């Protein structure tokens, strides 16, 4: 774990820092999940899985869920259709399709996205 500490020190010289809340520990091989560790008084959480753009299904589902969480806007009678379209283009499409060119898409992923857009 000293490699992360020395990385943190080297990065700080360049004005960079590790975002400890975003730093996670995951076992990609076989065996038990590693325990959480502490580096420089920062707890690094151990997780089973995380969102990774190389495998689309969890990320596509999460993004569709984020887009559908705006139902209070879609059901608001006081907003015009034009305003709803602008919200859709600004929030939904940008979040839903962010970095889509890097995804390994399956036919089922494409159908899910087409149904959401």
PDB file of N, CA and C in Angstrom:
ATOM      1  N   UNK A   1       0.803  -1.190   0.000  1.00  0.00           N
ATOM      2  CA  UNK A   1       0.000   0.000   0.000  1.00  0.00           C
ATOM      3  C   UNK A   1       0.852   1.261   0.000  1.00  0.00           C
ATOM      4  N   UNK A   2       2.147   1.091   0.149  1.00  0.00           N
ATOM      5  CA  UNK A   2       3.011   2.262   0.126  1.00  0.00           C
ATOM      6  C   UNK A   2       3.046   2.885  -1.262  1.00  0.00           C
ATOM      7  N   UNK A   3       2.718   2.107  -2.295  1.00  0.00           N
ATOM      8  CA  UNK A   3       2.712   2.672  -3.647  1.00  0.00           C
ATOM      9  C   UNK A   3       1.644   3.751  -3.779  1.00  0.00           C
ATOM     10  N   UNK A   4       0.481   3.562  -3.139  1.00  0.00           N
ATOM     11  CA  UNK A   4      -0.549   4.606  -3.170  1.00  0.00           C
ATOM     12  C   UNK A   4      -0.122   5.820  -2.370  1.00  0.00           C
ATOM     13  N   UNK A   5       0.538   5.608  -1.250  1.00  0.00           N
ATOM     14  CA  UNK A   5       1.022   6.733  -0.452  1.00  0.00           C
ATOM     15  C   UNK A   5       2.059   7.532  -1.219  1.00  0.00           C
ATOM     16  N   UNK A   6       3.008   6.835  -1.861  1.00  0.00           N
ATOM     17  CA  UNK A   6       4.031   7.551  -2.628  1.00  0.00           C
ATOM     18  C   UNK A   6       3.416   8.206  -3.861  1.00  0.00           C
ATOM     19  N   UNK A   7       2.395   7.567  -4.449  1.00  0.00           N
ATOM     20  CA  UNK A   7       1.688   8.176  -5.569  1.00  0.00           C
ATOM     21  C   UNK A   7       1.018   9.468  -5.129  1.00  0.00           C
ATOM     22  N   UNK A   8       0.391   9.427  -3.960  1.00  0.00           N
ATOM     23  CA  UNK A   8      -0.280  10.605  -3.416  1.00  0.00           C
ATOM     24  C   UNK A   8       0.718  11.736  -3.186  1.00  0.00           C
ATOM     25  N   UNK A   9       1.884  11.406  -2.658  1.00  0.00           N
ATOM     26  CA  UNK A   9       2.916  12.418  -2.408  1.00  0.00           C
ATOM     27  C   UNK A   9       3.442  13.003  -3.723  1.00  0.00           C
ATOM     28  N   UNK A  10       3.691  12.151  -4.704  1.00  0.00           N
ATOM     29  CA  UNK A  10       4.187  12.614  -6.002  1.00  0.00           C
ATOM     30  C   UNK A  10       3.147  13.466  -6.706  1.00  0.00           C
ATOM     31  N   UNK A  11       1.900  13.056  -6.642  1.00  0.00           N
ATOM     32  CA  UNK A  11       0.831  13.817  -7.283  1.00  0.00           C
ATOM     33  C   UNK A  11       0.666  15.185  -6.638  1.00  0.00           C
ATOM     34  N   UNK A  12       0.847  15.268  -5.327  1.00  0.00           N
ATOM     35  CA  UNK A  12       0.674  16.552  -4.643  1.00  0.00           C
ATOM     36  C   UNK A  12       1.718  17.579  -5.078  1.00  0.00           C
ATOM     37  N   UNK A  13       2.901  17.108  -5.461  1.00  0.00           N
ATOM     38  CA  UNK A  13       3.931  18.022  -5.973  1.00  0.00           C
ATOM     39  C   UNK A  13       3.436  18.710  -7.244  1.00  0.00           C
ATOM     40  N   UNK A  14       2.623  17.999  -8.038  1.00  0.00           N
ATOM     41  CA  UNK A  14       2.078  18.547  -9.277  1.00  0.00           C
ATOM     42  C   UNK A  14       0.746  19.266  -9.065  1.00  0.00           C
ATOM     43  N   UNK A  15       0.313  19.362  -7.823  1.00  0.00           N
ATOM     44  CA  UNK A  15      -0.950  20.016  -7.536  1.00  0.00           C
ATOM     45  C   UNK A  15      -2.153  19.101  -7.682  1.00  0.00           C
ATOM     46  N   UNK A  16      -1.920  17.799  -7.767  1.00  0.00           N
ATOM     47  CA  UNK A  16      -3.001  16.824  -7.899  1.00  0.00           C
ATOM     48  C   UNK A  16      -3.204  16.116  -6.572  1.00  0.00           C
ATOM     49  N   UNK A  17      -4.389  15.567  -6.371  1.00  0.00           N
ATOM     50  CA  UNK A  17      -4.630  14.798  -5.158  1.00  0.00           C
ATOM     51  C   UNK A  17      -5.578  13.644  -5.448  1.00  0.00           C
ATOM     52  N   UNK A  18      -5.481  12.597  -4.666  1.00  0.00           N
ATOM     53  CA  UNK A  18      -6.356  11.438  -4.800  1.00  0.00           C
ATOM     54  C   UNK A  18      -7.691  11.774  -4.155  1.00  0.00           C
ATOM     55  N   UNK A  19      -8.771  11.455  -4.842  1.00  0.00           N
ATOM     56  CA  UNK A  19     -10.099  11.611  -4.269  1.00  0.00           C
ATOM     57  C   UNK A  19     -10.408  10.331  -3.497  1.00  0.00           C
ATOM     58  N   UNK A  20     -10.168  10.350  -2.200  1.00  0.00           N
ATOM     59  CA  UNK A  20     -10.318   9.146  -1.397  1.00  0.00           C
ATOM     60  C   UNK A  20     -11.746   8.617  -1.369  1.00  0.00           C
ATOM     61  N   UNK A  21     -12.776   9.468  -1.347  1.00  0.00           N
ATOM     62  CA  UNK A  21     -14.135   8.909  -1.380  1.00  0.00           C
ATOM     63  C   UNK A  21     -14.432   8.138  -2.677  1.00  0.00           C
ATOM     64  N   UNK A  22     -13.754   8.460  -3.756  1.00  0.00           N
ATOM     65  CA  UNK A  22     -13.973   7.774  -5.027  1.00  0.00           C
ATOM     66  C   UNK A  22     -13.037   6.582  -5.223  1.00  0.00           C
ATOM     67  N   UNK A  23     -12.050   6.429  -4.369  1.00  0.00           N
ATOM     68  CA  UNK A  23     -11.082   5.343  -4.489  1.00  0.00           C
ATOM     69  C   UNK A  23     -11.674   4.088  -3.872  1.00  0.00           C
ATOM     70  N   UNK A  24     -11.688   3.000  -4.629  1.00  0.00           N
ATOM     71  CA  UNK A  24     -12.280   1.742  -4.178  1.00  0.00           C
ATOM     72  C   UNK A  24     -11.294   0.603  -4.393  1.00  0.00           C
ATOM     73  N   UNK A  25     -11.504  -0.484  -3.690  1.00  0.00           N
ATOM     74  CA  UNK A  25     -10.667  -1.669  -3.781  1.00  0.00           C
ATOM     75  C   UNK A  25     -11.548  -2.832  -4.212  1.00  0.00           C
ATOM     76  N   UNK A  26     -11.130  -3.546  -5.272  1.00  0.00           N
ATOM     77  CA  UNK A  26     -11.920  -4.660  -5.775  1.00  0.00           C
ATOM     78  C   UNK A  26     -11.005  -5.806  -6.154  1.00  0.00           C
ATOM     79  N   UNK A  27     -11.411  -7.027  -5.825  1.00  0.00           N
ATOM     80  CA  UNK A  27     -10.690  -8.222  -6.218  1.00  0.00           C
ATOM     81  C   UNK A  27     -11.173  -8.631  -7.601  1.00  0.00           C
ATOM     82  N   UNK A  28     -10.301  -8.593  -8.593  1.00  0.00           N
ATOM     83  CA  UNK A  28     -10.669  -8.990  -9.944  1.00  0.00           C
ATOM     84  C   UNK A  28     -10.356 -10.445 -10.231  1.00  0.00           C
ATOM     85  N   UNK A  29      -9.675 -11.096  -9.326  1.00  0.00           N
ATOM     86  CA  UNK A  29      -9.332 -12.505  -9.512  1.00  0.00           C
ATOM     87  C   UNK A  29     -10.258 -13.399  -8.709  1.00  0.00           C
ATOM     88  N   UNK A  30      -9.744 -14.553  -8.338  1.00  0.00           N
ATOM     89  CA  UNK A  30     -10.522 -15.474  -7.521  1.00  0.00           C
ATOM     90  C   UNK A  30     -10.171 -15.261  -6.061  1.00  0.00           C
ATOM     91  N   UNK A  31     -11.009 -15.790  -5.209  1.00  0.00           N
ATOM     92  CA  UNK A  31     -10.744 -15.665  -3.784  1.00  0.00           C
ATOM     93  C   UNK A  31     -11.700 -14.699  -3.119  1.00  0.00           C
ATOM     94  N   UNK A  32     -11.458 -14.515  -1.858  1.00  0.00           N
ATOM     95  CA  UNK A  32     -12.344 -13.677  -1.049  1.00  0.00           C
ATOM     96  C   UNK A  32     -12.161 -12.196  -1.376  1.00  0.00           C
ATOM     97  N   UNK A  33     -13.204 -11.463  -1.085  1.00  0.00           N
ATOM     98  CA  UNK A  33     -13.146 -10.011  -1.266  1.00  0.00           C
ATOM     99  C   UNK A  33     -12.166  -9.446  -0.243  1.00  0.00           C
ATOM    100  N   UNK A  34     -11.278  -8.555  -0.643  1.00  0.00           N
ATOM    101  CA  UNK A  34     -10.306  -8.008   0.307  1.00  0.00           C
ATOM    102  C   UNK A  34     -11.001  -7.099   1.323  1.00  0.00           C
ATOM    103  N   UNK A  35     -10.444  -6.993   2.519  1.00  0.00           N
ATOM    104  CA  UNK A  35     -11.043  -6.102   3.511  1.00  0.00           C
ATOM    105  C   UNK A  35     -10.748  -4.644   3.160  1.00  0.00           C
ATOM    106  N   UNK A  36     -11.527  -3.747   3.738  1.00  0.00           N
ATOM    107  CA  UNK A  36     -11.255  -2.319   3.564  1.00  0.00           C
ATOM    108  C   UNK A  36      -9.898  -2.012   4.189  1.00  0.00           C
ATOM    109  N   UNK A  37      -9.191  -1.069   3.605  1.00  0.00           N
ATOM    110  CA  UNK A  37      -7.867  -0.707   4.121  1.00  0.00           C
ATOM    111  C   UNK A  37      -7.820   0.786   4.412  1.00  0.00           C
ATOM    112  N   UNK A  38      -6.843   1.181   5.187  1.00  0.00           N
ATOM    113  CA  UNK A  38      -6.655   2.583   5.520  1.00  0.00           C
ATOM    114  C   UNK A  38      -5.291   3.022   5.007  1.00  0.00           C
ATOM    115  N   UNK A  39      -5.277   4.099   4.235  1.00  0.00           N
ATOM    116  CA  UNK A  39      -4.034   4.649   3.699  1.00  0.00           C
ATOM    117  C   UNK A  39      -3.983   6.117   4.098  1.00  0.00           C
ATOM    118  N   UNK A  40      -2.941   6.491   4.803  1.00  0.00           N
ATOM    119  CA  UNK A  40      -2.779   7.872   5.264  1.00  0.00           C
ATOM    120  C   UNK A  40      -4.044   8.368   5.960  1.00  0.00           C
ATOM    121  N   UNK A  41      -4.597   7.559   6.848  1.00  0.00           N
ATOM    122  CA  UNK A  41      -5.816   7.880   7.595  1.00  0.00           C
ATOM    123  C   UNK A  41      -7.045   8.041   6.708  1.00  0.00           C
ATOM    124  N   UNK A  42      -7.017   7.492   5.507  1.00  0.00           N
ATOM    125  CA  UNK A  42      -8.170   7.511   4.607  1.00  0.00           C
ATOM    126  C   UNK A  42      -8.628   6.079   4.391  1.00  0.00           C
ATOM    127  N   UNK A  43      -9.913   5.818   4.642  1.00  0.00           N
ATOM    128  CA  UNK A  43     -10.456   4.482   4.475  1.00  0.00           C
ATOM    129  C   UNK A  43     -10.760   4.226   3.006  1.00  0.00           C
ATOM    130  N   UNK A  44     -10.232   3.138   2.466  1.00  0.00           N
ATOM    131  CA  UNK A  44     -10.498   2.733   1.093  1.00  0.00           C
ATOM    132  C   UNK A  44     -11.450   1.545   1.162  1.00  0.00           C
ATOM    133  N   UNK A  45     -12.669   1.752   0.694  1.00  0.00           N
ATOM    134  CA  UNK A  45     -13.732   0.755   0.772  1.00  0.00           C
ATOM    135  C   UNK A  45     -13.476  -0.399  -0.190  1.00  0.00           C
ATOM    136  N   UNK A  46     -13.825  -1.591   0.243  1.00  0.00           N
ATOM    137  CA  UNK A  46     -13.742  -2.781  -0.598  1.00  0.00           C
ATOM    138  C   UNK A  46     -15.126  -3.044  -1.184  1.00  0.00           C
ATOM    139  N   UNK A  47     -15.202  -3.245  -2.503  1.00  0.00           N
ATOM    140  CA  UNK A  47     -16.486  -3.428  -3.179  1.00  0.00           C
ATOM    141  C   UNK A  47     -16.471  -4.695  -4.022  1.00  0.00           C
ATOM    142  N   UNK A  48     -17.683  -5.189  -4.349  1.00  0.00           N
ATOM    143  CA  UNK A  48     -17.811  -6.372  -5.201  1.00  0.00           C
ATOM    144  C   UNK A  48     -17.807  -6.014  -6.673  1.00  0.00           C
ATOM    145  N   UNK A  49     -18.405  -4.874  -7.023  1.00  0.00           N
ATOM    146  CA  UNK A  49     -18.485  -4.465  -8.423  1.00  0.00           C
ATOM    147  C   UNK A  49     -18.587  -2.949  -8.492  1.00  0.00           C
ATOM    148  N   UNK A  50     -18.307  -2.407  -9.654  1.00  0.00           N
ATOM    149  CA  UNK A  50     -18.457  -0.978  -9.872  1.00  0.00           C
ATOM    150  C   UNK A  50     -18.890  -0.754 -11.312  1.00  0.00           C
ATOM    151  N   UNK A  51     -19.363   0.441 -11.589  1.00  0.00           N
ATOM    152  CA  UNK A  51     -19.822   0.777 -12.936  1.00  0.00           C
ATOM    153  C   UNK A  51     -18.603   0.988 -13.819  1.00  0.00           C
ATOM    154  N   UNK A  52     -18.552   0.236 -14.882  1.00  0.00           N
ATOM    155  CA  UNK A  52     -17.424   0.296 -15.809  1.00  0.00           C
ATOM    156  C   UNK A  52     -17.984   0.362 -17.212  1.00  0.00           C
ATOM    157  N   UNK A  53     -17.513   1.297 -17.993  1.00  0.00           N
ATOM    158  CA  UNK A  53     -18.080   1.509 -19.312  1.00  0.00           C
ATOM    159  C   UNK A  53     -17.807   0.379 -20.290  1.00  0.00           C
ATOM    160  N   UNK A  54     -16.860  -0.489 -19.984  1.00  0.00           N
ATOM    161  CA  UNK A  54     -16.581  -1.599 -20.887  1.00  0.00           C
ATOM    162  C   UNK A  54     -17.712  -2.616 -20.938  1.00  0.00           C
ATOM    163  N   UNK A  55     -18.481  -2.727 -19.865  1.00  0.00           N
ATOM    164  CA  UNK A  55     -19.630  -3.629 -19.818  1.00  0.00           C
ATOM    165  C   UNK A  55     -20.857  -2.765 -19.638  1.00  0.00           C
ATOM    166  N   UNK A  56     -21.704  -2.714 -20.609  1.00  0.00           N
ATOM    167  CA  UNK A  56     -22.742  -1.695 -20.695  1.00  0.00           C
ATOM    168  C   UNK A  56     -23.973  -1.896 -19.843  1.00  0.00           C
ATOM    169  N   UNK A  57     -24.458  -3.086 -19.723  1.00  0.00           N
ATOM    170  CA  UNK A  57     -25.797  -3.300 -19.150  1.00  0.00           C
ATOM    171  C   UNK A  57     -26.015  -2.556 -17.826  1.00  0.00           C
ATOM    172  N   UNK A  58     -25.145  -2.667 -16.814  1.00  0.00           N
ATOM    173  CA  UNK A  58     -25.402  -1.933 -15.567  1.00  0.00           C
ATOM    174  C   UNK A  58     -25.403  -0.418 -15.777  1.00  0.00           C
ATOM    175  N   UNK A  59     -24.498   0.060 -16.615  1.00  0.00           N
ATOM    176  CA  UNK A  59     -24.419   1.500 -16.847  1.00  0.00           C
ATOM    177  C   UNK A  59     -25.623   2.003 -17.637  1.00  0.00           C
ATOM    178  N   UNK A  60     -26.061   1.265 -18.635  1.00  0.00           N
ATOM    179  CA  UNK A  60     -27.235   1.658 -19.413  1.00  0.00           C
ATOM    180  C   UNK A  60     -28.464   1.702 -18.504  1.00  0.00           C
ATOM    181  N   UNK A  61     -28.647   0.682 -17.676  1.00  0.00           N
ATOM    182  CA  UNK A  61     -29.786   0.662 -16.757  1.00  0.00           C
ATOM    183  C   UNK A  61     -29.746   1.826 -15.772  1.00  0.00           C
ATOM    184  N   UNK A  62     -28.554   2.140 -15.267  1.00  0.00           N
ATOM    185  CA  UNK A  62     -28.412   3.257 -14.326  1.00  0.00           C
ATOM    186  C   UNK A  62     -28.768   4.570 -15.002  1.00  0.00           C
ATOM    187  N   UNK A  63     -28.301   4.768 -16.221  1.00  0.00           N
ATOM    188  CA  UNK A  63     -28.575   6.017 -16.941  1.00  0.00           C
ATOM    189  C   UNK A  63     -30.051   6.143 -17.309  1.00  0.00           C
ATOM    190  N   UNK A  64     -30.684   5.048 -17.684  1.00  0.00           N
ATOM    191  CA  UNK A  64     -32.121   5.082 -17.973  1.00  0.00           C
ATOM    192  C   UNK A  64     -32.879   5.438 -16.693  1.00  0.00           C
ATOM    193  N   UNK A  65     -32.447   4.888 -15.575  1.00  0.00           N
ATOM    194  CA  UNK A  65     -33.065   5.213 -14.289  1.00  0.00           C
ATOM    195  C   UNK A  65     -32.915   6.679 -13.935  1.00  0.00           C
ATOM    196  N   UNK A  66     -31.734   7.238 -14.189  1.00  0.00           N
ATOM    197  CA  UNK A  66     -31.529   8.671 -13.933  1.00  0.00           C
ATOM    198  C   UNK A  66     -32.444   9.512 -14.811  1.00  0.00           C
ATOM    199  N   UNK A  67     -32.567   9.127 -16.054  1.00  0.00           N
ATOM    200  CA  UNK A  67     -33.421   9.884 -16.977  1.00  0.00           C
ATOM    201  C   UNK A  67     -34.882   9.799 -16.563  1.00  0.00           C
ATOM    202  N   UNK A  68     -35.314   8.631 -16.122  1.00  0.00           N
ATOM    203  CA  UNK A  68     -36.725   8.475 -15.758  1.00  0.00           C
ATOM    204  C   UNK A  68     -37.047   9.093 -14.411  1.00  0.00           C
ATOM    205  N   UNK A  69     -36.024   9.465 -13.643  1.00  0.00           N
ATOM    206  CA  UNK A  69     -36.264  10.085 -12.339  1.00  0.00           C
ATOM    207  C   UNK A  69     -36.815  11.507 -12.464  1.00  0.00           C
ATOM    208  N   UNK A  70     -36.921  12.003 -13.669  1.00  0.00           N
ATOM    209  CA  UNK A  70     -37.451  13.351 -13.897  1.00  0.00           C
ATOM    210  C   UNK A  70     -38.952  13.338 -14.167  1.00  0.00           C
ATOM    211  N   UNK A  71     -39.642  12.324 -13.671  1.00  0.00           N
ATOM    212  CA  UNK A  71     -41.078  12.199 -13.961  1.00  0.00           C
ATOM    213  C   UNK A  71     -41.881  13.392 -13.453  1.00  0.00           C
ATOM    214  N   UNK A  72     -41.404  14.051 -12.385  1.00  0.00           N
ATOM    215  CA  UNK A  72     -42.133  15.226 -11.904  1.00  0.00           C
ATOM    216  C   UNK A  72     -42.103  16.365 -12.934  1.00  0.00           C
ATOM    217  N   UNK A  73     -41.079  16.411 -13.759  1.00  0.00           N
ATOM    218  CA  UNK A  73     -41.024  17.416 -14.829  1.00  0.00           C
ATOM    219  C   UNK A  73     -41.966  17.004 -15.961  1.00  0.00           C
ATOM    220  N   UNK A  74     -41.916  15.725 -16.346  1.00  0.00           N
ATOM    221  CA  UNK A  74     -42.748  15.275 -17.468  1.00  0.00           C
ATOM    222  C   UNK A  74     -44.239  15.393 -17.140  1.00  0.00           C
ATOM    223  N   UNK A  75     -44.601  15.217 -15.868  1.00  0.00           N
ATOM    224  CA  UNK A  75     -46.008  15.261 -15.470  1.00  0.00           C
ATOM    225  C   UNK A  75     -46.487  16.656 -15.075  1.00  0.00           C
ATOM    226  N   UNK A  76     -45.598  17.634 -15.079  1.00  0.00           N
ATOM    227  CA  UNK A  76     -45.957  18.997 -14.691  1.00  0.00           C
ATOM    228  C   UNK A  76     -46.768  19.665 -15.798  1.00  0.00           C
ATOM    229  N   UNK A  77     -47.989  20.039 -15.484  1.00  0.00           N
ATOM    230  CA  UNK A  77     -48.879  20.658 -16.477  1.00  0.00           C
ATOM    231  C   UNK A  77     -48.551  22.115 -16.739  1.00  0.00           C
ATOM    232  N   UNK A  78     -47.758  22.730 -15.856  1.00  0.00           N
ATOM    233  CA  UNK A  78     -47.425  24.144 -16.003  1.00  0.00           C
ATOM    234  C   UNK A  78     -46.240  24.391 -16.935  1.00  0.00           C
ATOM    235  N   UNK A  79     -45.523  23.328 -17.289  1.00  0.00           N
ATOM    236  CA  UNK A  79     -44.402  23.466 -18.217  1.00  0.00           C
ATOM    237  C   UNK A  79     -44.869  23.172 -19.636  1.00  0.00           C
ATOM    238  N   UNK A  80     -44.413  23.990 -20.552  1.00  0.00           N
ATOM    239  CA  UNK A  80     -44.796  23.780 -21.952  1.00  0.00           C
ATOM    240  C   UNK A  80     -44.036  22.594 -22.536  1.00  0.00           C
ATOM    241  N   UNK A  81     -44.540  22.090 -23.646  1.00  0.00           N
ATOM    242  CA  UNK A  81     -43.866  20.998 -24.357  1.00  0.00           C
ATOM    243  C   UNK A  81     -42.473  21.449 -24.783  1.00  0.00           C
ATOM    244  N   UNK A  82     -42.358  22.687 -25.205  1.00  0.00           N
ATOM    245  CA  UNK A  82     -41.058  23.226 -25.628  1.00  0.00           C
ATOM    246  C   UNK A  82     -40.051  23.187 -24.469  1.00  0.00           C
ATOM    247  N   UNK A  83     -40.483  23.571 -23.284  1.00  0.00           N
ATOM    248  CA  UNK A  83     -39.596  23.530 -22.109  1.00  0.00           C
ATOM    249  C   UNK A  83     -39.208  22.103 -21.766  1.00  0.00           C
ATOM    250  N   UNK A  84     -40.151  21.179 -21.857  1.00  0.00           N
ATOM    251  CA  UNK A  84     -39.869  19.777 -21.562  1.00  0.00           C
ATOM    252  C   UNK A  84     -38.873  19.198 -22.567  1.00  0.00           C
ATOM    253  N   UNK A  85     -38.991  19.591 -23.826  1.00  0.00           N
ATOM    254  CA  UNK A  85     -38.047  19.123 -24.850  1.00  0.00           C
ATOM    255  C   UNK A  85     -36.655  19.661 -24.565  1.00  0.00           C
ATOM    256  N   UNK A  86     -36.570  20.918 -24.143  1.00  0.00           N
ATOM    257  CA  UNK A  86     -35.256  21.496 -23.810  1.00  0.00           C
ATOM    258  C   UNK A  86     -34.628  20.793 -22.617  1.00  0.00           C
ATOM    259  N   UNK A  87     -35.440  20.499 -21.594  1.00  0.00           N
ATOM    260  CA  UNK A  87     -34.938  19.758 -20.436  1.00  0.00           C
ATOM    261  C   UNK A  87     -34.461  18.378 -20.885  1.00  0.00           C
ATOM    262  N   UNK A  88     -35.243  17.726 -21.719  1.00  0.00           N
ATOM    263  CA  UNK A  88     -34.885  16.401 -22.228  1.00  0.00           C
ATOM    264  C   UNK A  88     -33.548  16.435 -22.959  1.00  0.00           C
ATOM    265  N   UNK A  89     -33.390  17.421 -23.852  1.00  0.00           N
ATOM    266  CA  UNK A  89     -32.153  17.509 -24.629  1.00  0.00           C
ATOM    267  C   UNK A  89     -30.959  17.861 -23.750  1.00  0.00           C
ATOM    268  N   UNK A  90     -31.178  18.749 -22.777  1.00  0.00           N
ATOM    269  CA  UNK A  90     -30.064  19.197 -21.937  1.00  0.00           C
ATOM    270  C   UNK A  90     -29.672  18.176 -20.873  1.00  0.00           C
ATOM    271  N   UNK A  91     -30.645  17.555 -20.256  1.00  0.00           N
ATOM    272  CA  UNK A  91     -30.346  16.661 -19.136  1.00  0.00           C
ATOM    273  C   UNK A  91     -30.362  15.189 -19.502  1.00  0.00           C
ATOM    274  N   UNK A  92     -31.412  14.758 -20.135  1.00  0.00           N
ATOM    275  CA  UNK A  92     -31.587  13.324 -20.374  1.00  0.00           C
ATOM    276  C   UNK A  92     -30.629  12.822 -21.441  1.00  0.00           C
ATOM    277  N   UNK A  93     -30.666  13.412 -22.615  1.00  0.00           N
ATOM    278  CA  UNK A  93     -29.838  12.920 -23.716  1.00  0.00           C
ATOM    279  C   UNK A  93     -28.355  13.002 -23.373  1.00  0.00           C
ATOM    280  N   UNK A  94     -27.928  14.095 -22.749  1.00  0.00           N
ATOM    281  CA  UNK A  94     -26.506  14.233 -22.437  1.00  0.00           C
ATOM    282  C   UNK A  94     -26.054  13.210 -21.403  1.00  0.00           C
ATOM    283  N   UNK A  95     -26.862  12.968 -20.367  1.00  0.00           N
ATOM    284  CA  UNK A  95     -26.493  11.983 -19.348  1.00  0.00           C
ATOM    285  C   UNK A  95     -26.604  10.570 -19.902  1.00  0.00           C
ATOM    286  N   UNK A  96     -27.676  10.317 -20.620  1.00  0.00           N
ATOM    287  CA  UNK A  96     -27.930   8.971 -21.128  1.00  0.00           C
ATOM    288  C   UNK A  96     -26.867   8.519 -22.118  1.00  0.00           C
ATOM    289  N   UNK A  97     -26.410   9.411 -22.978  1.00  0.00           N
ATOM    290  CA  UNK A  97     -25.500   9.018 -24.053  1.00  0.00           C
ATOM    291  C   UNK A  97     -24.045   9.432 -23.831  1.00  0.00           C
ATOM    292  N   UNK A  98     -23.717   9.951 -22.643  1.00  0.00           N
ATOM    293  CA  UNK A  98     -22.349  10.364 -22.369  1.00  0.00           C
ATOM    294  C   UNK A  98     -21.391   9.191 -22.570  1.00  0.00           C
ATOM    295  N   UNK A  99     -20.379   9.388 -23.359  1.00  0.00           N
ATOM    296  CA  UNK A  99     -19.327   8.401 -23.657  1.00  0.00           C
ATOM    297  C   UNK A  99     -19.860   7.131 -24.313  1.00  0.00           C
ATOM    298  N   UNK A 100     -21.007   7.217 -24.977  1.00  0.00           N
ATOM    299  CA  UNK A 100     -21.612   6.030 -25.596  1.00  0.00           C
ATOM    300  C   UNK A 100     -20.721   5.415 -26.673  1.00  0.00           C
ATOM    301  N   UNK A 101     -19.844   6.196 -27.270  1.00  0.00           N
ATOM    302  CA  UNK A 101     -18.971   5.658 -28.312  1.00  0.00           C
ATOM    303  C   UNK A 101     -17.982   4.640 -27.767  1.00  0.00           C
ATOM    304  N   UNK A 102     -17.754   4.659 -26.451  1.00  0.00           N
ATOM    305  CA  UNK A 102     -16.789   3.735 -25.852  1.00  0.00           C
ATOM    306  C   UNK A 102     -17.442   2.442 -25.373  1.00  0.00           C
ATOM    307  N   UNK A 103     -18.760   2.343 -25.476  1.00  0.00           N
ATOM    308  CA  UNK A 103     -19.473   1.168 -24.965  1.00  0.00           C
ATOM    309  C   UNK A 103     -19.371  -0.004 -25.921  1.00  0.00           C
ATOM    310  N   UNK A 104     -19.363  -1.194 -25.373  1.00  0.00           N
ATOM    311  CA  UNK A 104     -19.512  -2.435 -26.140  1.00  0.00           C
ATOM    312  C   UNK A 104     -20.989  -2.776 -26.112  1.00  0.00           C
ATOM    313  N   UNK A 105     -21.694  -2.400 -27.160  1.00  0.00           N
ATOM    314  CA  UNK A 105     -23.148  -2.500 -27.165  1.00  0.00           C
ATOM    315  C   UNK A 105     -23.632  -3.874 -27.622  1.00  0.00           C
ATOM    316  N   UNK A 106     -24.624  -4.384 -26.911  1.00  0.00           N
ATOM    317  CA  UNK A 106     -25.357  -5.569 -27.335  1.00  0.00           C
ATOM    318  C   UNK A 106     -26.655  -5.090 -27.974  1.00  0.00           C
ATOM    319  N   UNK A 107     -27.298  -5.938 -28.739  1.00  0.00           N
ATOM    320  CA  UNK A 107     -28.562  -5.571 -29.379  1.00  0.00           C
ATOM    321  C   UNK A 107     -29.604  -5.181 -28.335  1.00  0.00           C
ATOM    322  N   UNK A 108     -29.622  -5.873 -27.195  1.00  0.00           N
ATOM    323  CA  UNK A 108     -30.594  -5.548 -26.139  1.00  0.00           C
ATOM    324  C   UNK A 108     -30.312  -4.173 -25.530  1.00  0.00           C
ATOM    325  N   UNK A 109     -29.010  -3.772 -25.454  1.00  0.00           N
ATOM    326  CA  UNK A 109     -28.664  -2.442 -24.956  1.00  0.00           C
ATOM    327  C   UNK A 109     -29.173  -1.367 -25.899  1.00  0.00           C
ATOM    328  N   UNK A 110     -29.007  -1.595 -27.187  1.00  0.00           N
ATOM    329  CA  UNK A 110     -29.467  -0.629 -28.195  1.00  0.00           C
ATOM    330  C   UNK A 110     -30.981  -0.458 -28.114  1.00  0.00           C
ATOM    331  N   UNK A 111     -31.708  -1.566 -27.966  1.00  0.00           N
ATOM    332  CA  UNK A 111     -33.169  -1.503 -27.875  1.00  0.00           C
ATOM    333  C   UNK A 111     -33.590  -0.725 -26.623  1.00  0.00           C
ATOM    334  N   UNK A 112     -32.928  -0.957 -25.513  1.00  0.00           N
ATOM    335  CA  UNK A 112     -33.248  -0.235 -24.268  1.00  0.00           C
ATOM    336  C   UNK A 112     -33.016   1.250 -24.431  1.00  0.00           C
ATOM    337  N   UNK A 113     -31.902   1.626 -25.065  1.00  0.00           N
ATOM    338  CA  UNK A 113     -31.614   3.041 -25.273  1.00  0.00           C
ATOM    339  C   UNK A 113     -32.587   3.678 -26.244  1.00  0.00           C
ATOM    340  N   UNK A 114     -32.925   2.974 -27.311  1.00  0.00           N
ATOM    341  CA  UNK A 114     -33.880   3.515 -28.286  1.00  0.00           C
ATOM    342  C   UNK A 114     -35.248   3.734 -27.645  1.00  0.00           C
ATOM    343  N   UNK A 115     -35.640   2.870 -26.754  1.00  0.00           N
ATOM    344  CA  UNK A 115     -36.922   3.016 -26.070  1.00  0.00           C
ATOM    345  C   UNK A 115     -36.904   4.194 -25.113  1.00  0.00           C
ATOM    346  N   UNK A 116     -35.721   4.562 -24.610  1.00  0.00           N
ATOM    347  CA  UNK A 116     -35.606   5.662 -23.656  1.00  0.00           C
ATOM    348  C   UNK A 116     -35.433   7.017 -24.304  1.00  0.00           C
ATOM    349  N   UNK A 117     -34.973   7.044 -25.554  1.00  0.00           N
ATOM    350  CA  UNK A 117     -34.723   8.340 -26.202  1.00  0.00           C
ATOM    351  C   UNK A 117     -35.840   8.730 -27.122  1.00  0.00           C
TER     352      UNK A 117
END
